């Protein structure tokens, strides 16, 4: 394939930056993807940021939870996210937001994708030859809005500001 057709041009540009690719694009220009930087490279800080974002998208901007997909680097991270406190009485899972690992979500897409990568260590695994490929696959699942939550090292490694 020589063209990216799945998403908006702005998302396509961020996906291509990861490996400094240069594919053609045919589609619409959309909103700029957002990188939400966490100061401390931890799951707790990243998940606090995630809850704020989900609340904004669902409660303020009135998106449906079905329009959201939260992607994490590895299957072992799914339960950490699902069980995280959404409010005093419920968890993220109770909000009916789809939470998946990047590779389990491969081949799927959603309107809004939130990729949570708290740190470089969270991206690495003994079975992953190219950690950046997880970011690449995760980012390319978004159709109209892409959010990434992570630390400054992740932001730098994925060439976000290019």
Protein backbone atom coordinates (compact mmCIF):
# COMPACT_ATOMS: atom_id res chain seq x y z
CA UNK A 1 0.00 0.00 0.00
CA UNK A 2 1.26 3.44 -0.88
CA UNK A 3 -1.49 5.42 0.83
CA UNK A 4 -2.90 5.63 4.33
CA UNK A 5 -6.69 5.62 4.13
CA UNK A 6 -7.90 4.71 7.64
CA UNK A 7 -7.54 7.97 9.51
CA UNK A 8 -7.22 11.72 9.23
CA UNK A 9 -4.12 13.33 7.78
CA UNK A 10 -3.04 14.64 11.18
CA UNK A 11 -3.13 11.16 12.72
CA UNK A 12 -1.39 9.72 9.67
CA UNK A 13 1.48 12.19 10.13
CA UNK A 14 2.02 11.12 13.76
CA UNK A 15 1.94 7.43 12.80
CA UNK A 16 4.51 8.00 10.06
CA UNK A 17 6.80 10.02 12.35
CA UNK A 18 7.48 6.96 14.52
CA UNK A 19 9.62 5.30 11.85
CA UNK A 20 10.18 8.43 9.76
CA UNK A 21 8.01 6.99 6.97
CA UNK A 22 6.62 8.97 4.09
CA UNK A 23 3.48 7.43 2.63
CA UNK A 24 0.95 9.31 0.59
CA UNK A 25 -2.32 10.30 2.14
CA UNK A 26 -5.86 10.40 0.76
CA UNK A 27 -8.54 11.59 3.11
CA UNK A 28 -9.59 14.44 5.33
CA UNK A 29 -7.59 16.70 7.58
CA UNK A 30 -8.74 16.41 11.18
CA UNK A 31 -7.87 17.54 14.64
CA UNK A 32 -4.28 17.41 15.76
CA UNK A 33 -3.51 14.36 17.89
CA UNK A 34 -2.63 15.19 21.50
CA UNK A 35 0.22 13.93 23.64
CA UNK A 36 -0.53 14.25 27.35
CA UNK A 37 2.79 14.30 29.19
CA UNK A 38 2.97 12.79 32.66
CA UNK A 39 5.72 14.17 34.84
CA UNK A 40 6.31 10.96 36.74
CA UNK A 41 6.68 7.85 34.58
CA UNK A 42 4.21 5.64 36.44
CA UNK A 43 0.98 3.80 35.77
CA UNK A 44 -0.79 5.74 38.55
CA UNK A 45 0.03 9.14 37.06
CA UNK A 46 -0.84 7.95 33.57
CA UNK A 47 -4.14 6.47 34.71
CA UNK A 48 -5.10 9.65 36.57
CA UNK A 49 -4.57 11.49 33.29
CA UNK A 50 -6.58 8.81 31.47
CA UNK A 51 -9.56 9.18 33.82
CA UNK A 52 -9.56 12.98 33.34
CA UNK A 53 -9.51 12.49 29.57
CA UNK A 54 -12.29 9.86 29.55
CA UNK A 55 -14.46 12.09 31.74
CA UNK A 56 -13.87 15.01 29.40
CA UNK A 57 -14.72 12.96 26.31
CA UNK A 58 -17.82 11.26 27.75
CA UNK A 59 -19.24 13.80 30.21
CA UNK A 60 -18.24 17.11 28.61
CA UNK A 61 -17.90 16.38 24.90
CA UNK A 62 -20.67 13.73 24.96
CA UNK A 63 -18.92 10.97 23.07
CA UNK A 64 -20.19 7.46 23.63
CA UNK A 65 -17.95 5.03 25.48
CA UNK A 66 -18.30 2.79 22.40
CA UNK A 67 -16.41 5.41 20.39
CA UNK A 68 -13.39 5.09 22.68
CA UNK A 69 -10.63 2.51 22.76
CA UNK A 70 -7.89 2.58 25.37
CA UNK A 71 -4.81 0.70 24.20
CA UNK A 72 -1.95 -0.42 26.42
CA UNK A 73 1.38 -1.94 25.38
CA UNK A 74 0.84 -5.48 26.67
CA UNK A 75 -1.94 -7.85 27.74
CA UNK A 76 -0.58 -7.84 31.29
CA UNK A 77 -1.48 -4.12 31.50
CA UNK A 78 -5.20 -4.50 30.67
CA UNK A 79 -6.37 -5.35 34.19
CA UNK A 80 -4.37 -2.45 35.67
CA UNK A 81 -6.39 -0.06 33.51
CA UNK A 82 -9.78 -1.75 33.78
CA UNK A 83 -9.68 -1.87 37.58
CA UNK A 84 -8.45 1.71 38.03
CA UNK A 85 -10.85 3.97 39.92
CA UNK A 86 -13.04 6.14 37.64
CA UNK A 87 -14.84 7.78 40.54
CA UNK A 88 -15.67 6.93 44.15
CA UNK A 89 -18.07 4.16 43.16
CA UNK A 90 -16.83 2.72 39.88
CA UNK A 91 -13.87 1.65 37.78
CA UNK A 92 -12.85 2.42 34.21
CA UNK A 93 -14.25 -0.98 33.20
CA UNK A 94 -17.70 -0.05 34.55
CA UNK A 95 -17.82 2.86 32.10
CA UNK A 96 -17.94 0.34 29.22
CA UNK A 97 -14.82 1.78 27.58
CA UNK A 98 -12.98 -0.81 25.50
CA UNK A 99 -9.56 -1.52 27.02
CA UNK A 100 -7.20 -3.72 25.04
CA UNK A 101 -3.56 -4.39 24.35
CA UNK A 102 -2.19 -2.99 21.11
CA UNK A 103 -1.71 -6.38 19.47
CA UNK A 104 -5.12 -7.69 20.53
CA UNK A 105 -6.60 -4.62 18.83
CA UNK A 106 -4.58 -5.09 15.64
CA UNK A 107 -6.89 -4.99 12.60
CA UNK A 108 -9.53 -3.03 14.51
CA UNK A 109 -10.14 0.71 14.68
CA UNK A 110 -12.22 3.22 16.56
CA UNK A 111 -13.15 6.88 16.30
CA UNK A 112 -11.09 7.84 19.34
CA UNK A 113 -8.03 5.92 20.45
CA UNK A 114 -6.13 6.63 23.65
CA UNK A 115 -2.74 4.93 23.82
CA UNK A 116 -1.29 4.75 27.34
CA UNK A 117 2.49 4.25 27.49
CA UNK A 118 3.65 5.50 30.91
CA UNK A 119 7.35 4.91 30.27
CA UNK A 120 9.90 3.27 28.00
CA UNK A 121 10.01 0.32 30.43
CA UNK A 122 6.25 -0.18 29.99
CA UNK A 123 6.74 -0.39 26.22
CA UNK A 124 9.53 -2.96 26.37
CA UNK A 125 9.03 -6.70 26.75
CA UNK A 126 11.18 -9.74 26.19
CA UNK A 127 8.98 -10.83 23.27
CA UNK A 128 8.94 -7.44 21.50
CA UNK A 129 11.72 -7.00 18.95
CA UNK A 130 10.77 -3.42 18.07
CA UNK A 131 9.05 -1.60 20.94
CA UNK A 132 8.21 1.31 18.66
CA UNK A 133 6.11 -1.00 16.52
CA UNK A 134 3.63 -1.15 19.41
CA UNK A 135 3.24 2.61 19.25
CA UNK A 136 2.94 2.48 15.46
CA UNK A 137 0.18 -0.14 15.52
CA UNK A 138 -1.63 1.58 18.41
CA UNK A 139 -1.63 5.01 16.81
CA UNK A 140 -2.84 3.68 13.49
CA UNK A 141 -6.06 2.31 15.09
CA UNK A 142 -7.50 5.84 15.46
CA UNK A 143 -9.89 7.20 12.84
CA UNK A 144 -10.61 10.76 14.00
CA UNK A 145 -8.98 11.47 17.38
CA UNK A 146 -5.73 10.18 18.82
CA UNK A 147 -4.47 10.77 22.35
CA UNK A 148 -1.22 9.45 23.76
CA UNK A 149 -0.45 9.47 27.47
CA UNK A 150 3.18 9.01 28.41
CA UNK A 151 6.40 10.52 29.68
CA UNK A 152 8.82 12.82 27.87
CA UNK A 153 11.09 9.95 26.83
CA UNK A 154 8.23 8.23 24.99
CA UNK A 155 7.32 11.56 23.38
CA UNK A 156 10.92 11.94 22.16
CA UNK A 157 11.35 8.31 21.02
CA UNK A 158 8.23 8.39 18.84
CA UNK A 159 9.30 11.68 17.21
CA UNK A 160 6.07 13.33 18.35
CA UNK A 161 7.20 16.92 17.85
CA UNK A 162 8.43 16.47 14.27
